[in-house]
Protein backbone atom coordinates (compact mmCIF):
# COMPACT_ATOMS: atom_id res chain seq x y z
CA UNK A 1 -54.16 155.27 203.53
CA UNK A 2 -51.21 153.57 205.26
CA UNK A 3 -48.03 153.18 203.23
CA UNK A 4 -47.55 149.64 201.95
CA UNK A 5 -44.34 148.09 200.67
CA UNK A 6 -43.47 145.32 198.24
CA UNK A 7 -40.24 143.57 197.44
CA UNK A 8 -38.59 141.11 195.11
CA UNK A 9 -35.21 139.43 194.98
CA UNK A 10 -32.82 137.51 192.79
CA UNK A 11 -29.45 135.81 193.20
CA UNK A 12 -26.65 134.09 191.29
CA UNK A 13 -23.73 131.97 192.44
CA UNK A 14 -21.28 134.12 190.45
CA UNK A 15 -18.01 132.37 189.70
CA UNK A 16 -18.38 130.07 192.70
CA UNK A 17 -19.36 126.41 192.26
CA UNK A 18 -22.03 126.75 194.97
CA UNK A 19 -24.53 129.22 196.45
CA UNK A 20 -24.07 130.20 200.10
CA UNK A 21 -26.49 133.14 200.18
CA UNK A 22 -30.05 132.84 201.49
CA UNK A 23 -32.86 135.40 201.45
CA UNK A 24 -36.56 135.70 202.22
CA UNK A 25 -39.30 138.31 202.10
CA UNK A 26 -42.26 138.02 204.46
CA UNK A 27 -45.38 140.12 204.93
CA UNK A 28 -46.15 140.09 208.64
CA UNK A 29 -49.58 139.97 210.26
CA UNK A 30 -49.75 143.74 210.67
CA UNK A 31 -49.08 144.28 206.96
CA UNK A 32 -45.45 145.35 207.45
CA UNK A 33 -42.68 143.84 205.33
CA UNK A 34 -39.60 141.97 206.54
CA UNK A 35 -36.58 141.22 204.33
CA UNK A 36 -33.64 139.08 205.49
CA UNK A 37 -30.40 138.32 203.62
CA UNK A 38 -27.61 136.07 204.94
CA UNK A 39 -24.27 135.28 203.31
CA UNK A 40 -22.87 131.99 204.55
CA UNK A 41 -19.29 131.04 205.23
CA UNK A 42 -17.61 127.76 206.01
CA UNK A 43 -17.39 126.03 202.65
CA UNK A 44 -20.05 124.58 200.38
CA UNK A 45 -21.99 122.65 203.02
CA UNK A 46 -21.39 124.89 206.02
CA UNK A 47 -22.08 128.24 204.39
CA UNK A 48 -25.29 127.13 202.74
CA UNK A 49 -26.57 125.54 205.94
CA UNK A 50 -25.62 128.52 208.11
CA UNK A 51 -27.30 131.11 205.91
CA UNK A 52 -30.50 129.07 205.64
CA UNK A 53 -30.64 128.43 209.38
CA UNK A 54 -30.01 132.10 210.12
CA UNK A 55 -32.73 133.39 207.79
CA UNK A 56 -35.34 130.83 208.83
CA UNK A 57 -34.71 131.28 212.57
CA UNK A 58 -34.78 135.08 212.30
CA UNK A 59 -38.13 135.07 210.53
CA UNK A 60 -39.57 132.51 212.95
CA UNK A 61 -38.72 134.69 215.95
CA UNK A 62 -40.28 137.79 214.39
CA UNK A 63 -43.40 135.94 213.26
CA UNK A 64 -43.80 134.77 216.87
CA UNK A 65 -43.94 138.39 218.00
CA UNK A 66 -40.28 139.15 218.63
CA UNK A 67 -38.43 142.23 217.45
CA UNK A 68 -35.31 142.45 215.34
CA UNK A 69 -33.04 141.80 218.32
CA UNK A 70 -34.95 138.63 219.18
CA UNK A 71 -34.69 137.60 215.55
CA UNK A 72 -30.92 138.01 215.60
CA UNK A 73 -30.56 136.12 218.86
CA UNK A 74 -32.63 133.27 217.43
CA UNK A 75 -30.55 133.20 214.25
CA UNK A 76 -27.29 133.16 216.19
CA UNK A 77 -28.55 130.41 218.48
CA UNK A 78 -29.72 128.18 215.62
CA UNK A 79 -26.48 128.51 213.64
CA UNK A 80 -24.56 127.46 216.75
CA UNK A 81 -26.86 124.52 217.37
CA UNK A 82 -26.69 123.46 213.73
CA UNK A 83 -22.99 122.70 213.96
CA UNK A 84 -23.14 120.62 217.15
CA UNK A 85 -21.98 117.05 216.54
CA UNK A 86 -21.31 117.71 212.85
CA UNK A 87 -17.57 118.08 212.20
CA UNK A 88 -18.20 118.95 208.55
CA UNK A 89 -20.07 122.07 209.72
CA UNK A 90 -17.51 123.17 212.28
CA UNK A 91 -16.80 126.89 212.00
CA UNK A 92 -19.79 127.69 209.82
CA UNK A 93 -21.40 131.09 210.10
CA UNK A 94 -23.13 133.84 208.18
CA UNK A 95 -23.52 137.55 207.84
CA UNK A 96 -27.07 138.77 208.32
CA UNK A 97 -29.00 141.92 207.48
CA UNK A 98 -32.70 142.25 208.28
CA UNK A 99 -34.91 145.16 207.25
CA UNK A 100 -38.41 145.86 208.62
CA UNK A 101 -40.67 148.35 206.84
CA UNK A 102 -43.79 149.76 208.47
CA UNK A 103 -45.42 152.91 207.19
CA UNK A 104 -42.79 155.54 206.44
CA UNK A 105 -40.18 154.03 208.76
CA UNK A 106 -37.50 151.42 208.16
CA UNK A 107 -35.69 149.62 210.97
CA UNK A 108 -32.71 147.35 210.45
CA UNK A 109 -30.25 145.14 212.25
CA UNK A 110 -27.10 143.60 210.79
CA UNK A 111 -23.96 141.65 211.55
CA UNK A 112 -21.14 141.30 209.04
CA UNK A 113 -20.52 143.03 205.72
CA UNK A 114 -23.72 142.51 203.70
CA UNK A 115 -24.76 146.01 202.58
CA UNK A 116 -28.11 147.78 202.96
CA UNK A 117 -28.64 150.80 200.71
CA UNK A 118 -31.12 153.65 200.61
CA UNK A 119 -31.69 155.27 197.22
CA UNK A 120 -33.53 158.56 197.58
CA UNK A 121 -33.57 161.93 195.82
CA UNK A 122 -31.08 160.70 193.22
CA UNK A 123 -28.50 159.67 195.83
CA UNK A 124 -27.34 156.38 197.31
CA UNK A 125 -26.36 155.84 200.94
CA UNK A 126 -25.28 152.73 202.77
CA UNK A 127 -27.30 152.65 205.99
CA UNK A 128 -25.67 149.78 207.89
CA UNK A 129 -22.14 149.38 209.18
CA UNK A 130 -19.50 147.25 207.46
CA UNK A 131 -18.08 144.73 209.93
CA UNK A 132 -15.23 143.65 207.65
CA UNK A 133 -11.69 145.03 207.65
CA UNK A 134 -12.48 147.22 204.62
CA UNK A 135 -13.26 150.41 206.61
CA UNK A 136 -9.98 150.13 208.54
CA UNK A 137 -8.02 149.54 205.35
CA UNK A 138 -9.71 152.49 203.65
CA UNK A 139 -8.79 154.63 206.64
CA UNK A 140 -5.14 153.84 205.90
CA UNK A 141 -5.64 155.28 202.43
CA UNK A 142 -7.04 158.49 203.95
CA UNK A 143 -3.93 158.70 206.14
CA UNK A 144 -1.62 158.20 203.15
CA UNK A 145 -0.34 154.83 204.36
CA UNK A 146 -1.77 152.84 201.43
CA UNK A 147 -2.73 153.67 197.87
CA UNK A 148 -6.32 153.17 196.72
CA UNK A 149 -5.18 150.29 194.51
CA UNK A 150 -3.31 148.63 197.39
CA UNK A 151 -6.42 148.95 199.55
CA UNK A 152 -8.68 147.47 196.88
CA UNK A 153 -6.48 144.38 196.52
CA UNK A 154 -5.46 144.05 200.18
CA UNK A 155 -5.62 140.34 201.16
CA UNK A 156 -7.36 141.15 204.44
CA UNK A 157 -9.97 143.48 202.98
CA UNK A 158 -12.86 141.03 203.18
CA UNK A 159 -11.95 139.50 206.54
CA UNK A 160 -14.99 139.65 208.81
CA UNK A 161 -14.75 141.16 212.28
CA UNK A 162 -18.09 139.64 213.27
CA UNK A 163 -20.46 136.93 212.03
CA UNK A 164 -23.45 134.89 213.20
CA UNK A 165 -21.79 131.69 214.45
CA UNK A 166 -23.46 130.88 217.75
CA UNK A 167 -20.90 132.81 219.81
CA UNK A 168 -21.66 136.06 221.73
CA UNK A 169 -21.99 138.93 219.27
CA UNK A 170 -19.89 142.02 219.97
CA UNK A 171 -20.58 144.02 216.78
CA UNK A 172 -24.24 144.61 215.95
CA UNK A 173 -25.52 147.47 213.83
CA UNK A 174 -29.04 148.76 214.54
CA UNK A 175 -30.84 151.74 213.12
CA UNK A 176 -34.04 153.37 211.95
CA UNK A 177 -34.91 156.01 209.38
CA UNK A 178 -37.91 157.95 208.13
CA UNK A 179 -38.25 157.52 204.38
CA UNK A 180 -39.22 160.02 201.73
CA UNK A 181 -41.84 159.33 199.07
CA UNK A 182 -39.35 158.18 196.42
CA UNK A 183 -37.27 155.91 198.69
CA UNK A 184 -36.10 152.57 197.30
CA UNK A 185 -34.10 150.11 199.40
CA UNK A 186 -31.60 147.45 198.37
CA UNK A 187 -30.65 144.60 200.70
CA UNK A 188 -27.68 142.70 199.30
CA UNK A 189 -24.88 140.25 199.90
CA UNK A 190 -21.37 141.62 199.44
CA UNK A 191 -21.08 140.10 195.97
CA UNK A 192 -22.76 143.28 194.74
CA UNK A 193 -19.54 145.16 195.54
CA UNK A 194 -18.17 144.33 192.11
CA UNK A 195 -20.14 147.50 191.31
CA UNK A 196 -19.20 150.78 192.98
CA UNK A 197 -21.83 153.02 194.57
CA UNK A 198 -22.32 155.12 191.43
CA UNK A 199 -22.86 151.99 189.34
CA UNK A 200 -25.33 150.57 191.88
CA UNK A 201 -27.20 153.89 191.86
CA UNK A 202 -27.42 153.77 188.06
CA UNK A 203 -29.05 150.31 188.28
CA UNK A 204 -31.12 150.87 191.42
CA UNK A 205 -34.48 151.45 189.73
CA UNK A 206 -34.23 148.14 187.82
CA UNK A 207 -35.55 144.73 188.93
CA UNK A 208 -33.13 142.67 191.06
CA UNK A 209 -32.35 140.30 188.17
CA UNK A 210 -31.09 143.24 186.11
CA UNK A 211 -28.88 144.44 188.96
CA UNK A 212 -27.46 140.92 189.36
CA UNK A 213 -26.82 140.85 185.60
CA UNK A 214 -24.93 144.15 185.88
CA UNK A 215 -22.71 142.63 188.56
CA UNK A 216 -22.01 139.58 186.38
CA UNK A 217 -21.22 141.87 183.44
CA UNK A 218 -18.14 143.15 185.30
CA UNK A 219 -16.63 139.70 184.63
CA UNK A 220 -14.73 139.58 187.91
CA UNK A 221 -12.58 136.44 187.92
CA UNK A 222 -13.53 135.39 191.44
CA UNK A 223 -17.05 136.83 191.55
CA UNK A 224 -18.71 135.99 194.87
CA UNK A 225 -22.33 134.86 195.25
CA UNK A 226 -24.72 137.75 194.58
CA UNK A 227 -28.09 138.41 196.20
CA UNK A 228 -30.14 141.56 195.64
CA UNK A 229 -33.52 142.29 197.25
CA UNK A 230 -35.30 145.52 196.31
CA UNK A 231 -38.01 147.18 198.40
CA UNK A 232 -40.34 149.94 197.24
CA UNK A 233 -43.68 151.49 198.02
CA UNK A 234 -46.83 150.06 196.47
CA UNK A 235 -48.12 152.84 194.19
């Protein structure tokens, strides 16, 4: 019998007065599962619009027979078009991570800093690249040029090096992986980073609402929007 997957998601606006994250789960015609999460930027109106446009356009392209690359191109195009003639939406954009599960294989594509985790054999691994300045800042810690505390609170840490804005994309992460029988996947917005990897691993087997609650329980003063989508095999 072919492996089948199921998913569920939850989100919270955190300490922000608005929600800029969007997400969707879709079962495609061949029975495979597609999950897309986008984290908008550009203020209340712009961020919310950008993330919704990106998610909807991505799914439309894939449902029409396109692959993940076509989905990303469609998302990027629609976010760019969405701002035309609307000064209040100028500069809007979104991160995007899309995950496609078929059988024992996962494929993904992402732009920005929204994380995609694999939990397997009691370990957690981030599968996609982080297109923020955080990796560069952490490298300075490894070289002894910053302390870990300085890196954590660095004002440029969350600056994005790439986002879906309608402009040509220069940083795109793509990948695929064969999955073991106990694999569980988490597709998130970066608001989940109020938890470290060990804390996420400890919560990973729980429903998304419980993981979101664990993030909120950290009581971070400026907690970002949080979205968590979990994916697991149908037993």
